[in-house]
């Protein structure tokens, strides 16, 4: 792989993470759909994109599941505490993953259910 290909792989892998923030721009399920599209299109071209795309997708699906559970827990009021914590955790971990991946490092999200292997 050339240095140019390495830069492209890092760029696409970084986009897999940062694209998850599209949910906060008002794109319904953008946190899952946008990284999914990037991963499906570029996973065969770059192994780094395949790995980090799966990582991003697994984390976003996990956060969506946690969000639904926290939303249901609003009926017993604990969800009103959990939802903001989940949003902050999601944004902070996406930023950490984006920065690390942009440096060419591999990143593994904590608290993630690994659905896509």
PDB file of N, CA and C in Angstrom:
ATOM      1  N   UNK A   1       0.834  -1.167   0.000  1.00  0.00           N
ATOM      2  CA  UNK A   1       0.000   0.000   0.000  1.00  0.00           C
ATOM      3  C   UNK A   1       0.889   1.245   0.000  1.00  0.00           C
ATOM      4  N   UNK A   2       0.565   2.200  -0.826  1.00  0.00           N
ATOM      5  CA  UNK A   2       1.357   3.421  -0.900  1.00  0.00           C
ATOM      6  C   UNK A   2       0.970   4.372   0.228  1.00  0.00           C
ATOM      7  N   UNK A   3       1.787   5.413   0.382  1.00  0.00           N
ATOM      8  CA  UNK A   3       1.494   6.408   1.413  1.00  0.00           C
ATOM      9  C   UNK A   3       0.172   7.121   1.105  1.00  0.00           C
ATOM     10  N   UNK A   4      -0.093   7.321  -0.182  1.00  0.00           N
ATOM     11  CA  UNK A   4      -1.352   7.947  -0.602  1.00  0.00           C
ATOM     12  C   UNK A   4      -2.548   7.070  -0.202  1.00  0.00           C
ATOM     13  N   UNK A   5      -2.416   5.758  -0.400  1.00  0.00           N
ATOM     14  CA  UNK A   5      -3.483   4.833  -0.008  1.00  0.00           C
ATOM     15  C   UNK A   5      -3.685   4.822   1.506  1.00  0.00           C
ATOM     16  N   UNK A   6      -2.580   4.920   2.260  1.00  0.00           N
ATOM     17  CA  UNK A   6      -2.685   4.976   3.719  1.00  0.00           C
ATOM     18  C   UNK A   6      -3.478   6.205   4.151  1.00  0.00           C
ATOM     19  N   UNK A   7      -3.214   7.329   3.516  1.00  0.00           N
ATOM     20  CA  UNK A   7      -3.935   8.568   3.856  1.00  0.00           C
ATOM     21  C   UNK A   7      -5.421   8.436   3.520  1.00  0.00           C
ATOM     22  N   UNK A   8      -5.712   7.817   2.381  1.00  0.00           N
ATOM     23  CA  UNK A   8      -7.122   7.610   2.006  1.00  0.00           C
ATOM     24  C   UNK A   8      -7.815   6.693   3.004  1.00  0.00           C
ATOM     25  N   UNK A   9      -7.137   5.630   3.397  1.00  0.00           N
ATOM     26  CA  UNK A   9      -7.712   4.688   4.364  1.00  0.00           C
ATOM     27  C   UNK A   9      -7.990   5.389   5.693  1.00  0.00           C
ATOM     28  N   UNK A  10      -7.039   6.198   6.144  1.00  0.00           N
ATOM     29  CA  UNK A  10      -7.217   6.924   7.406  1.00  0.00           C
ATOM     30  C   UNK A  10      -8.377   7.907   7.287  1.00  0.00           C
ATOM     31  N   UNK A  11      -8.466   8.601   6.164  1.00  0.00           N
ATOM     32  CA  UNK A  11      -9.553   9.564   5.954  1.00  0.00           C
ATOM     33  C   UNK A  11     -10.912   8.878   5.989  1.00  0.00           C
ATOM     34  N   UNK A  12     -11.058   7.775   5.253  1.00  0.00           N
ATOM     35  CA  UNK A  12     -12.349   7.069   5.220  1.00  0.00           C
ATOM     36  C   UNK A  12     -12.679   6.451   6.577  1.00  0.00           C
ATOM     37  N   UNK A  13     -11.678   5.916   7.264  1.00  0.00           N
ATOM     38  CA  UNK A  13     -11.915   5.335   8.590  1.00  0.00           C
ATOM     39  C   UNK A  13     -12.342   6.423   9.579  1.00  0.00           C
ATOM     40  N   UNK A  14     -11.717   7.583   9.480  1.00  0.00           N
ATOM     41  CA  UNK A  14     -12.094   8.712  10.336  1.00  0.00           C
ATOM     42  C   UNK A  14     -13.520   9.136  10.047  1.00  0.00           C
ATOM     43  N   UNK A  15     -13.890   9.174   8.783  1.00  0.00           N
ATOM     44  CA  UNK A  15     -15.259   9.545   8.404  1.00  0.00           C
ATOM     45  C   UNK A  15     -16.296   8.568   8.960  1.00  0.00           C
ATOM     46  N   UNK A  16     -15.925   7.306   9.075  1.00  0.00           N
ATOM     47  CA  UNK A  16     -16.856   6.324   9.663  1.00  0.00           C
ATOM     48  C   UNK A  16     -17.245   6.732  11.082  1.00  0.00           C
ATOM     49  N   UNK A  17     -16.280   7.276  11.817  1.00  0.00           N
ATOM     50  CA  UNK A  17     -16.562   7.685  13.189  1.00  0.00           C
ATOM     51  C   UNK A  17     -17.298   9.021  13.233  1.00  0.00           C
ATOM     52  N   UNK A  18     -16.768  10.019  12.552  1.00  0.00           N
ATOM     53  CA  UNK A  18     -17.339  11.368  12.636  1.00  0.00           C
ATOM     54  C   UNK A  18     -18.736  11.432  12.019  1.00  0.00           C
ATOM     55  N   UNK A  19     -19.018  10.566  11.069  1.00  0.00           N
ATOM     56  CA  UNK A  19     -20.339  10.558  10.418  1.00  0.00           C
ATOM     57  C   UNK A  19     -21.450  10.198  11.394  1.00  0.00           C
ATOM     58  N   UNK A  20     -21.096   9.525  12.474  1.00  0.00           N
ATOM     59  CA  UNK A  20     -22.105   9.169  13.480  1.00  0.00           C
ATOM     60  C   UNK A  20     -22.704  10.404  14.142  1.00  0.00           C
ATOM     61  N   UNK A  21     -22.012  11.518  14.070  1.00  0.00           N
ATOM     62  CA  UNK A  21     -22.536  12.762  14.643  1.00  0.00           C
ATOM     63  C   UNK A  21     -23.686  13.334  13.818  1.00  0.00           C
ATOM     64  N   UNK A  22     -23.942  12.764  12.649  1.00  0.00           N
ATOM     65  CA  UNK A  22     -25.034  13.254  11.797  1.00  0.00           C
ATOM     66  C   UNK A  22     -26.388  13.139  12.502  1.00  0.00           C
ATOM     67  N   UNK A  23     -26.501  12.247  13.455  1.00  0.00           N
ATOM     68  CA  UNK A  23     -27.732  12.140  14.248  1.00  0.00           C
ATOM     69  C   UNK A  23     -28.040  13.466  14.937  1.00  0.00           C
ATOM     70  N   UNK A  24     -26.994  14.122  15.422  1.00  0.00           N
ATOM     71  CA  UNK A  24     -27.170  15.377  16.146  1.00  0.00           C
ATOM     72  C   UNK A  24     -27.429  16.559  15.204  1.00  0.00           C
ATOM     73  N   UNK A  25     -27.331  16.316  13.907  1.00  0.00           N
ATOM     74  CA  UNK A  25     -27.687  17.327  12.908  1.00  0.00           C
ATOM     75  C   UNK A  25     -29.123  17.145  12.439  1.00  0.00           C
ATOM     76  N   UNK A  26     -29.810  16.179  13.028  1.00  0.00           N
ATOM     77  CA  UNK A  26     -31.217  15.964  12.723  1.00  0.00           C
ATOM     78  C   UNK A  26     -31.501  14.875  11.711  1.00  0.00           C
ATOM     79  N   UNK A  27     -30.494  14.096  11.331  1.00  0.00           N
ATOM     80  CA  UNK A  27     -30.699  12.994  10.393  1.00  0.00           C
ATOM     81  C   UNK A  27     -31.175  11.779  11.192  1.00  0.00           C
ATOM     82  N   UNK A  28     -32.449  11.365  11.005  1.00  0.00           N
ATOM     83  CA  UNK A  28     -32.941  10.212  11.765  1.00  0.00           C
ATOM     84  C   UNK A  28     -32.101   8.961  11.491  1.00  0.00           C
ATOM     85  N   UNK A  29     -31.635   8.341  12.532  1.00  0.00           N
ATOM     86  CA  UNK A  29     -30.765   7.162  12.466  1.00  0.00           C
ATOM     87  C   UNK A  29     -29.506   7.416  11.631  1.00  0.00           C
ATOM     88  N   UNK A  30     -29.117   8.675  11.495  1.00  0.00           N
ATOM     89  CA  UNK A  30     -27.898   9.030  10.770  1.00  0.00           C
ATOM     90  C   UNK A  30     -26.656   8.465  11.427  1.00  0.00           C
ATOM     91  N   UNK A  31     -26.722   8.263  12.740  1.00  0.00           N
ATOM     92  CA  UNK A  31     -25.590   7.687  13.460  1.00  0.00           C
ATOM     93  C   UNK A  31     -25.299   6.254  13.006  1.00  0.00           C
ATOM     94  N   UNK A  32     -26.288   5.602  12.430  1.00  0.00           N
ATOM     95  CA  UNK A  32     -26.094   4.229  11.943  1.00  0.00           C
ATOM     96  C   UNK A  32     -26.011   4.215  10.417  1.00  0.00           C
ATOM     97  N   UNK A  33     -26.896   4.920   9.756  1.00  0.00           N
ATOM     98  CA  UNK A  33     -26.992   4.859   8.291  1.00  0.00           C
ATOM     99  C   UNK A  33     -25.756   5.412   7.594  1.00  0.00           C
ATOM    100  N   UNK A  34     -25.280   6.588   8.018  1.00  0.00           N
ATOM    101  CA  UNK A  34     -24.145   7.212   7.324  1.00  0.00           C
ATOM    102  C   UNK A  34     -22.864   6.378   7.479  1.00  0.00           C
ATOM    103  N   UNK A  35     -22.484   5.958   8.703  1.00  0.00           N
ATOM    104  CA  UNK A  35     -21.307   5.082   8.796  1.00  0.00           C
ATOM    105  C   UNK A  35     -21.501   3.751   8.055  1.00  0.00           C
ATOM    106  N   UNK A  36     -22.734   3.241   8.036  1.00  0.00           N
ATOM    107  CA  UNK A  36     -23.011   1.998   7.316  1.00  0.00           C
ATOM    108  C   UNK A  36     -22.735   2.146   5.829  1.00  0.00           C
ATOM    109  N   UNK A  37     -23.181   3.243   5.248  1.00  0.00           N
ATOM    110  CA  UNK A  37     -22.956   3.476   3.811  1.00  0.00           C
ATOM    111  C   UNK A  37     -21.456   3.594   3.521  1.00  0.00           C
ATOM    112  N   UNK A  38     -20.743   4.370   4.338  1.00  0.00           N
ATOM    113  CA  UNK A  38     -19.292   4.517   4.139  1.00  0.00           C
ATOM    114  C   UNK A  38     -18.616   3.158   4.252  1.00  0.00           C
ATOM    115  N   UNK A  39     -18.972   2.400   5.266  1.00  0.00           N
ATOM    116  CA  UNK A  39     -18.356   1.086   5.482  1.00  0.00           C
ATOM    117  C   UNK A  39     -18.646   0.147   4.315  1.00  0.00           C
ATOM    118  N   UNK A  40     -19.903   0.092   3.871  1.00  0.00           N
ATOM    119  CA  UNK A  40     -20.261  -0.811   2.772  1.00  0.00           C
ATOM    120  C   UNK A  40     -19.543  -0.452   1.476  1.00  0.00           C
ATOM    121  N   UNK A  41     -19.354   0.829   1.234  1.00  0.00           N
ATOM    122  CA  UNK A  41     -18.726   1.270  -0.015  1.00  0.00           C
ATOM    123  C   UNK A  41     -17.210   1.057   0.009  1.00  0.00           C
ATOM    124  N   UNK A  42     -16.560   1.275   1.154  1.00  0.00           N
ATOM    125  CA  UNK A  42     -15.092   1.293   1.208  1.00  0.00           C
ATOM    126  C   UNK A  42     -14.437   0.125   1.936  1.00  0.00           C
ATOM    127  N   UNK A  43     -15.224  -0.777   2.515  1.00  0.00           N
ATOM    128  CA  UNK A  43     -14.630  -1.855   3.331  1.00  0.00           C
ATOM    129  C   UNK A  43     -13.734  -2.793   2.526  1.00  0.00           C
ATOM    130  N   UNK A  44     -14.041  -3.005   1.264  1.00  0.00           N
ATOM    131  CA  UNK A  44     -13.224  -3.906   0.446  1.00  0.00           C
ATOM    132  C   UNK A  44     -11.957  -3.235  -0.061  1.00  0.00           C
ATOM    133  N   UNK A  45     -11.929  -1.906  -0.051  1.00  0.00           N
ATOM    134  CA  UNK A  45     -10.762  -1.176  -0.542  1.00  0.00           C
ATOM    135  C   UNK A  45      -9.672  -1.027   0.515  1.00  0.00           C
ATOM    136  N   UNK A  46     -10.094  -0.873   1.768  1.00  0.00           N
ATOM    137  CA  UNK A  46      -9.136  -0.589   2.837  1.00  0.00           C
ATOM    138  C   UNK A  46      -9.476  -1.408   4.089  1.00  0.00           C
ATOM    139  N   UNK A  47      -8.557  -2.258   4.556  1.00  0.00           N
ATOM    140  CA  UNK A  47      -8.805  -3.042   5.777  1.00  0.00           C
ATOM    141  C   UNK A  47      -9.075  -2.161   7.005  1.00  0.00           C
ATOM    142  N   UNK A  48      -8.422  -1.005   7.086  1.00  0.00           N
ATOM    143  CA  UNK A  48      -8.649  -0.107   8.218  1.00  0.00           C
ATOM    144  C   UNK A  48     -10.095   0.386   8.243  1.00  0.00           C
ATOM    145  N   UNK A  49     -10.649   0.687   7.084  1.00  0.00           N
ATOM    146  CA  UNK A  49     -12.041   1.132   7.004  1.00  0.00           C
ATOM    147  C   UNK A  49     -12.976  -0.005   7.396  1.00  0.00           C
ATOM    148  N   UNK A  50     -12.648  -1.210   6.984  1.00  0.00           N
ATOM    149  CA  UNK A  50     -13.467  -2.367   7.358  1.00  0.00           C
ATOM    150  C   UNK A  50     -13.507  -2.513   8.884  1.00  0.00           C
ATOM    151  N   UNK A  51     -12.352  -2.447   9.508  1.00  0.00           N
ATOM    152  CA  UNK A  51     -12.266  -2.619  10.964  1.00  0.00           C
ATOM    153  C   UNK A  51     -12.937  -1.468  11.709  1.00  0.00           C
ATOM    154  N   UNK A  52     -12.597  -0.237  11.371  1.00  0.00           N
ATOM    155  CA  UNK A  52     -13.131   0.917  12.091  1.00  0.00           C
ATOM    156  C   UNK A  52     -14.598   1.177  11.755  1.00  0.00           C
ATOM    157  N   UNK A  53     -15.019   0.821  10.563  1.00  0.00           N
ATOM    158  CA  UNK A  53     -16.425   0.940  10.200  1.00  0.00           C
ATOM    159  C   UNK A  53     -17.281   0.012  11.047  1.00  0.00           C
ATOM    160  N   UNK A  54     -16.827  -1.217  11.216  1.00  0.00           N
ATOM    161  CA  UNK A  54     -17.547  -2.167  12.076  1.00  0.00           C
ATOM    162  C   UNK A  54     -17.578  -1.671  13.515  1.00  0.00           C
ATOM    163  N   UNK A  55     -16.463  -1.128  13.948  1.00  0.00           N
ATOM    164  CA  UNK A  55     -16.369  -0.619  15.314  1.00  0.00           C
ATOM    165  C   UNK A  55     -17.366   0.525  15.528  1.00  0.00           C
ATOM    166  N   UNK A  56     -17.411   1.444  14.581  1.00  0.00           N
ATOM    167  CA  UNK A  56     -18.341   2.574  14.666  1.00  0.00           C
ATOM    168  C   UNK A  56     -19.792   2.097  14.647  1.00  0.00           C
ATOM    169  N   UNK A  57     -20.107   1.188  13.740  1.00  0.00           N
ATOM    170  CA  UNK A  57     -21.472   0.672  13.634  1.00  0.00           C
ATOM    171  C   UNK A  57     -21.899  -0.063  14.902  1.00  0.00           C
ATOM    172  N   UNK A  58     -21.025  -0.915  15.412  1.00  0.00           N
ATOM    173  CA  UNK A  58     -21.348  -1.645  16.632  1.00  0.00           C
ATOM    174  C   UNK A  58     -21.619  -0.684  17.789  1.00  0.00           C
ATOM    175  N   UNK A  59     -20.803   0.351  17.891  1.00  0.00           N
ATOM    176  CA  UNK A  59     -20.989   1.303  18.982  1.00  0.00           C
ATOM    177  C   UNK A  59     -22.293   2.077  18.817  1.00  0.00           C
ATOM    178  N   UNK A  60     -22.598   2.490  17.603  1.00  0.00           N
ATOM    179  CA  UNK A  60     -23.815   3.276  17.385  1.00  0.00           C
ATOM    180  C   UNK A  60     -25.081   2.434  17.580  1.00  0.00           C
ATOM    181  N   UNK A  61     -25.044   1.198  17.168  1.00  0.00           N
ATOM    182  CA  UNK A  61     -26.189   0.310  17.417  1.00  0.00           C
ATOM    183  C   UNK A  61     -26.350   0.103  18.932  1.00  0.00           C
ATOM    184  N   UNK A  62     -25.224  -0.098  19.615  1.00  0.00           N
ATOM    185  CA  UNK A  62     -25.251  -0.259  21.069  1.00  0.00           C
ATOM    186  C   UNK A  62     -25.821   0.986  21.743  1.00  0.00           C
ATOM    187  N   UNK A  63     -25.369   2.159  21.323  1.00  0.00           N
ATOM    188  CA  UNK A  63     -25.867   3.406  21.925  1.00  0.00           C
ATOM    189  C   UNK A  63     -27.353   3.595  21.646  1.00  0.00           C
ATOM    190  N   UNK A  64     -27.807   3.170  20.473  1.00  0.00           N
ATOM    191  CA  UNK A  64     -29.232   3.263  20.159  1.00  0.00           C
ATOM    192  C   UNK A  64     -30.043   2.355  21.083  1.00  0.00           C
ATOM    193  N   UNK A  65     -29.553   1.149  21.302  1.00  0.00           N
ATOM    194  CA  UNK A  65     -30.218   0.225  22.219  1.00  0.00           C
ATOM    195  C   UNK A  65     -30.248   0.817  23.630  1.00  0.00           C
ATOM    196  N   UNK A  66     -29.098   1.336  24.082  1.00  0.00           N
ATOM    197  CA  UNK A  66     -29.038   1.955  25.411  1.00  0.00           C
ATOM    198  C   UNK A  66     -29.994   3.140  25.495  1.00  0.00           C
ATOM    199  N   UNK A  67     -30.093   3.915  24.419  1.00  0.00           N
ATOM    200  CA  UNK A  67     -30.988   5.076  24.388  1.00  0.00           C
ATOM    201  C   UNK A  67     -32.451   4.683  24.505  1.00  0.00           C
ATOM    202  N   UNK A  68     -32.832   3.609  23.810  1.00  0.00           N
ATOM    203  CA  UNK A  68     -34.217   3.129  23.899  1.00  0.00           C
ATOM    204  C   UNK A  68     -34.518   2.662  25.325  1.00  0.00           C
ATOM    205  N   UNK A  69     -33.584   1.936  25.914  1.00  0.00           N
ATOM    206  CA  UNK A  69     -33.779   1.468  27.295  1.00  0.00           C
ATOM    207  C   UNK A  69     -33.888   2.658  28.249  1.00  0.00           C
ATOM    208  N   UNK A  70     -32.991   3.644  28.086  1.00  0.00           N
ATOM    209  CA  UNK A  70     -33.043   4.835  28.948  1.00  0.00           C
ATOM    210  C   UNK A  70     -34.341   5.596  28.726  1.00  0.00           C
ATOM    211  N   UNK A  71     -34.826   5.646  27.484  1.00  0.00           N
ATOM    212  CA  UNK A  71     -36.094   6.304  27.197  1.00  0.00           C
ATOM    213  C   UNK A  71     -37.245   5.616  27.907  1.00  0.00           C
ATOM    214  N   UNK A  72     -37.237   4.302  27.901  1.00  0.00           N
ATOM    215  CA  UNK A  72     -38.279   3.557  28.619  1.00  0.00           C
ATOM    216  C   UNK A  72     -38.172   3.771  30.126  1.00  0.00           C
ATOM    217  N   UNK A  73     -36.950   3.935  30.602  1.00  0.00           N
ATOM    218  CA  UNK A  73     -36.756   4.150  32.036  1.00  0.00           C
ATOM    219  C   UNK A  73     -37.182   5.551  32.484  1.00  0.00           C
ATOM    220  N   UNK A  74     -37.518   6.404  31.533  1.00  0.00           N
ATOM    221  CA  UNK A  74     -38.053   7.723  31.900  1.00  0.00           C
ATOM    222  C   UNK A  74     -39.383   7.578  32.638  1.00  0.00           C
ATOM    223  N   UNK A  75     -40.071   6.470  32.403  1.00  0.00           N
ATOM    224  CA  UNK A  75     -41.334   6.232  33.108  1.00  0.00           C
ATOM    225  C   UNK A  75     -41.113   6.053  34.615  1.00  0.00           C
ATOM    226  N   UNK A  76     -39.921   5.654  34.990  1.00  0.00           N
ATOM    227  CA  UNK A  76     -39.595   5.554  36.414  1.00  0.00           C
ATOM    228  C   UNK A  76     -38.545   6.596  36.792  1.00  0.00           C
ATOM    229  N   UNK A  77     -38.424   7.613  35.975  1.00  0.00           N
ATOM    230  CA  UNK A  77     -37.621   8.814  36.197  1.00  0.00           C
ATOM    231  C   UNK A  77     -36.111   8.642  36.120  1.00  0.00           C
ATOM    232  N   UNK A  78     -35.575   7.442  36.225  1.00  0.00           N
ATOM    233  CA  UNK A  78     -34.121   7.254  36.142  1.00  0.00           C
ATOM    234  C   UNK A  78     -33.620   7.571  34.732  1.00  0.00           C
ATOM    235  N   UNK A  79     -34.484   7.386  33.745  1.00  0.00           N
ATOM    236  CA  UNK A  79     -34.112   7.669  32.360  1.00  0.00           C
ATOM    237  C   UNK A  79     -33.771   9.124  32.117  1.00  0.00           C
ATOM    238  N   UNK A  80     -34.374  10.020  32.894  1.00  0.00           N
ATOM    239  CA  UNK A  80     -34.078  11.447  32.737  1.00  0.00           C
ATOM    240  C   UNK A  80     -32.644  11.771  33.131  1.00  0.00           C
ATOM    241  N   UNK A  81     -32.051  10.934  33.936  1.00  0.00           N
ATOM    242  CA  UNK A  81     -30.633  11.080  34.297  1.00  0.00           C
ATOM    243  C   UNK A  81     -29.763  10.348  33.281  1.00  0.00           C
ATOM    244  N   UNK A  82     -30.195   9.165  32.873  1.00  0.00           N
ATOM    245  CA  UNK A  82     -29.397   8.338  31.970  1.00  0.00           C
ATOM    246  C   UNK A  82     -29.283   8.912  30.558  1.00  0.00           C
ATOM    247  N   UNK A  83     -30.355   9.473  30.019  1.00  0.00           N
ATOM    248  CA  UNK A  83     -30.323   9.973  28.641  1.00  0.00           C
ATOM    249  C   UNK A  83     -29.253  11.044  28.410  1.00  0.00           C
ATOM    250  N   UNK A  84     -29.177  12.080  29.246  1.00  0.00           N
ATOM    251  CA  UNK A  84     -28.112  13.072  29.016  1.00  0.00           C
ATOM    252  C   UNK A  84     -26.710  12.479  29.170  1.00  0.00           C
ATOM    253  N   UNK A  85     -26.563  11.544  30.108  1.00  0.00           N
ATOM    254  CA  UNK A  85     -25.262  10.889  30.290  1.00  0.00           C
ATOM    255  C   UNK A  85     -24.889  10.123  29.023  1.00  0.00           C
ATOM    256  N   UNK A  86     -25.850   9.414  28.441  1.00  0.00           N
ATOM    257  CA  UNK A  86     -25.594   8.669  27.202  1.00  0.00           C
ATOM    258  C   UNK A  86     -25.224   9.593  26.053  1.00  0.00           C
ATOM    259  N   UNK A  87     -25.900  10.718  25.932  1.00  0.00           N
ATOM    260  CA  UNK A  87     -25.605  11.662  24.844  1.00  0.00           C
ATOM    261  C   UNK A  87     -24.184  12.198  24.988  1.00  0.00           C
ATOM    262  N   UNK A  88     -23.818  12.605  26.189  1.00  0.00           N
ATOM    263  CA  UNK A  88     -22.461  13.129  26.417  1.00  0.00           C
ATOM    264  C   UNK A  88     -21.429  12.037  26.154  1.00  0.00           C
ATOM    265  N   UNK A  89     -21.680  10.832  26.654  1.00  0.00           N
ATOM    266  CA  UNK A  89     -20.758   9.722  26.440  1.00  0.00           C
ATOM    267  C   UNK A  89     -20.599   9.417  24.960  1.00  0.00           C
ATOM    268  N   UNK A  90     -21.698   9.427  24.219  1.00  0.00           N
ATOM    269  CA  UNK A  90     -21.664   9.160  22.785  1.00  0.00           C
ATOM    270  C   UNK A  90     -20.795  10.189  22.074  1.00  0.00           C
ATOM    271  N   UNK A  91     -21.035  11.459  22.322  1.00  0.00           N
ATOM    272  CA  UNK A  91     -20.289  12.525  21.642  1.00  0.00           C
ATOM    273  C   UNK A  91     -18.810  12.475  22.011  1.00  0.00           C
ATOM    274  N   UNK A  92     -18.516  12.322  23.288  1.00  0.00           N
ATOM    275  CA  UNK A  92     -17.115  12.303  23.730  1.00  0.00           C
ATOM    276  C   UNK A  92     -16.368  11.118  23.121  1.00  0.00           C
ATOM    277  N   UNK A  93     -16.967   9.936  23.142  1.00  0.00           N
ATOM    278  CA  UNK A  93     -16.288   8.758  22.594  1.00  0.00           C
ATOM    279  C   UNK A  93     -16.144   8.835  21.075  1.00  0.00           C
ATOM    280  N   UNK A  94     -17.111   9.438  20.389  1.00  0.00           N
ATOM    281  CA  UNK A  94     -16.981   9.634  18.940  1.00  0.00           C
ATOM    282  C   UNK A  94     -15.808  10.558  18.654  1.00  0.00           C
ATOM    283  N   UNK A  95     -15.681  11.633  19.432  1.00  0.00           N
ATOM    284  CA  UNK A  95     -14.568  12.569  19.219  1.00  0.00           C
ATOM    285  C   UNK A  95     -13.232  11.889  19.489  1.00  0.00           C
ATOM    286  N   UNK A  96     -13.142  11.118  20.557  1.00  0.00           N
ATOM    287  CA  UNK A  96     -11.905  10.387  20.860  1.00  0.00           C
ATOM    288  C   UNK A  96     -11.563   9.426  19.725  1.00  0.00           C
ATOM    289  N   UNK A  97     -12.564   8.666  19.260  1.00  0.00           N
ATOM    290  CA  UNK A  97     -12.332   7.714  18.162  1.00  0.00           C
ATOM    291  C   UNK A  97     -11.899   8.439  16.894  1.00  0.00           C
ATOM    292  N   UNK A  98     -12.516   9.570  16.611  1.00  0.00           N
ATOM    293  CA  UNK A  98     -12.176  10.336  15.410  1.00  0.00           C
ATOM    294  C   UNK A  98     -10.732  10.823  15.469  1.00  0.00           C
ATOM    295  N   UNK A  99     -10.335  11.372  16.599  1.00  0.00           N
ATOM    296  CA  UNK A  99      -8.973  11.897  16.743  1.00  0.00           C
ATOM    297  C   UNK A  99      -7.943  10.768  16.645  1.00  0.00           C
ATOM    298  N   UNK A 100      -8.189   9.680  17.354  1.00  0.00           N
ATOM    299  CA  UNK A 100      -7.234   8.564  17.320  1.00  0.00           C
ATOM    300  C   UNK A 100      -7.137   7.947  15.924  1.00  0.00           C
ATOM    301  N   UNK A 101      -8.269   7.760  15.271  1.00  0.00           N
ATOM    302  CA  UNK A 101      -8.256   7.169  13.938  1.00  0.00           C
ATOM    303  C   UNK A 101      -7.583   8.101  12.942  1.00  0.00           C
ATOM    304  N   UNK A 102      -7.790   9.390  13.107  1.00  0.00           N
ATOM    305  CA  UNK A 102      -7.160  10.359  12.210  1.00  0.00           C
ATOM    306  C   UNK A 102      -5.637  10.353  12.360  1.00  0.00           C
ATOM    307  N   UNK A 103      -5.143   9.903  13.515  1.00  0.00           N
ATOM    308  CA  UNK A 103      -3.696   9.758  13.728  1.00  0.00           C
ATOM    309  C   UNK A 103      -3.187   8.419  13.181  1.00  0.00           C
ATOM    310  N   UNK A 104      -4.094   7.601  12.666  1.00  0.00           N
ATOM    311  CA  UNK A 104      -3.716   6.301  12.131  1.00  0.00           C
ATOM    312  C   UNK A 104      -3.777   5.180  13.145  1.00  0.00           C
ATOM    313  N   UNK A 105      -4.289   5.467  14.341  1.00  0.00           N
ATOM    314  CA  UNK A 105      -4.408   4.451  15.388  1.00  0.00           C
ATOM    315  C   UNK A 105      -5.751   3.736  15.268  1.00  0.00           C
ATOM    316  N   UNK A 106      -5.777   2.505  15.706  1.00  0.00           N
ATOM    317  CA  UNK A 106      -7.033   1.765  15.760  1.00  0.00           C
ATOM    318  C   UNK A 106      -7.707   2.067  17.090  1.00  0.00           C
ATOM    319  N   UNK A 107      -9.044   2.166  17.073  1.00  0.00           N
ATOM    320  CA  UNK A 107      -9.770   2.504  18.296  1.00  0.00           C
ATOM    321  C   UNK A 107     -10.872   1.486  18.545  1.00  0.00           C
ATOM    322  N   UNK A 108     -11.002   1.093  19.813  1.00  0.00           N
ATOM    323  CA  UNK A 108     -12.083   0.182  20.228  1.00  0.00           C
ATOM    324  C   UNK A 108     -12.927   0.919  21.256  1.00  0.00           C
ATOM    325  N   UNK A 109     -14.207   1.050  20.963  1.00  0.00           N
ATOM    326  CA  UNK A 109     -15.128   1.710  21.886  1.00  0.00           C
ATOM    327  C   UNK A 109     -15.384   0.821  23.099  1.00  0.00           C
ATOM    328  N   UNK A 110     -15.468   1.435  24.295  1.00  0.00           N
ATOM    329  CA  UNK A 110     -15.862   0.650  25.469  1.00  0.00           C
ATOM    330  C   UNK A 110     -17.376   0.466  25.506  1.00  0.00           C
ATOM    331  N   UNK A 111     -17.847  -0.468  26.301  1.00  0.00           N
ATOM    332  CA  UNK A 111     -19.279  -0.698  26.530  1.00  0.00           C
ATOM    333  C   UNK A 111     -20.034  -1.030  25.253  1.00  0.00           C
ATOM    334  N   UNK A 112     -19.397  -1.712  24.322  1.00  0.00           N
ATOM    335  CA  UNK A 112     -19.983  -1.968  23.014  1.00  0.00           C
ATOM    336  C   UNK A 112     -20.366  -3.436  22.856  1.00  0.00           C
ATOM    337  N   UNK A 113     -21.566  -3.657  22.343  1.00  0.00           N
ATOM    338  CA  UNK A 113     -21.994  -5.000  21.974  1.00  0.00           C
ATOM    339  C   UNK A 113     -21.475  -5.231  20.555  1.00  0.00           C
ATOM    340  N   UNK A 114     -20.656  -6.233  20.376  1.00  0.00           N
ATOM    341  CA  UNK A 114     -20.048  -6.502  19.059  1.00  0.00           C
ATOM    342  C   UNK A 114     -21.001  -7.365  18.240  1.00  0.00           C
ATOM    343  N   UNK A 115     -21.878  -6.710  17.504  1.00  0.00           N
ATOM    344  CA  UNK A 115     -22.870  -7.398  16.691  1.00  0.00           C
ATOM    345  C   UNK A 115     -22.272  -7.794  15.345  1.00  0.00           C
ATOM    346  N   UNK A 116     -21.599  -6.850  14.711  1.00  0.00           N
ATOM    347  CA  UNK A 116     -20.959  -7.091  13.415  1.00  0.00           C
ATOM    348  C   UNK A 116     -19.526  -7.524  13.702  1.00  0.00           C
ATOM    349  N   UNK A 117     -19.162  -8.713  13.242  1.00  0.00           N
ATOM    350  CA  UNK A 117     -17.819  -9.221  13.544  1.00  0.00           C
ATOM    351  C   UNK A 117     -16.918  -9.171  12.353  1.00  0.00           C
TER     352      UNK A 117
END
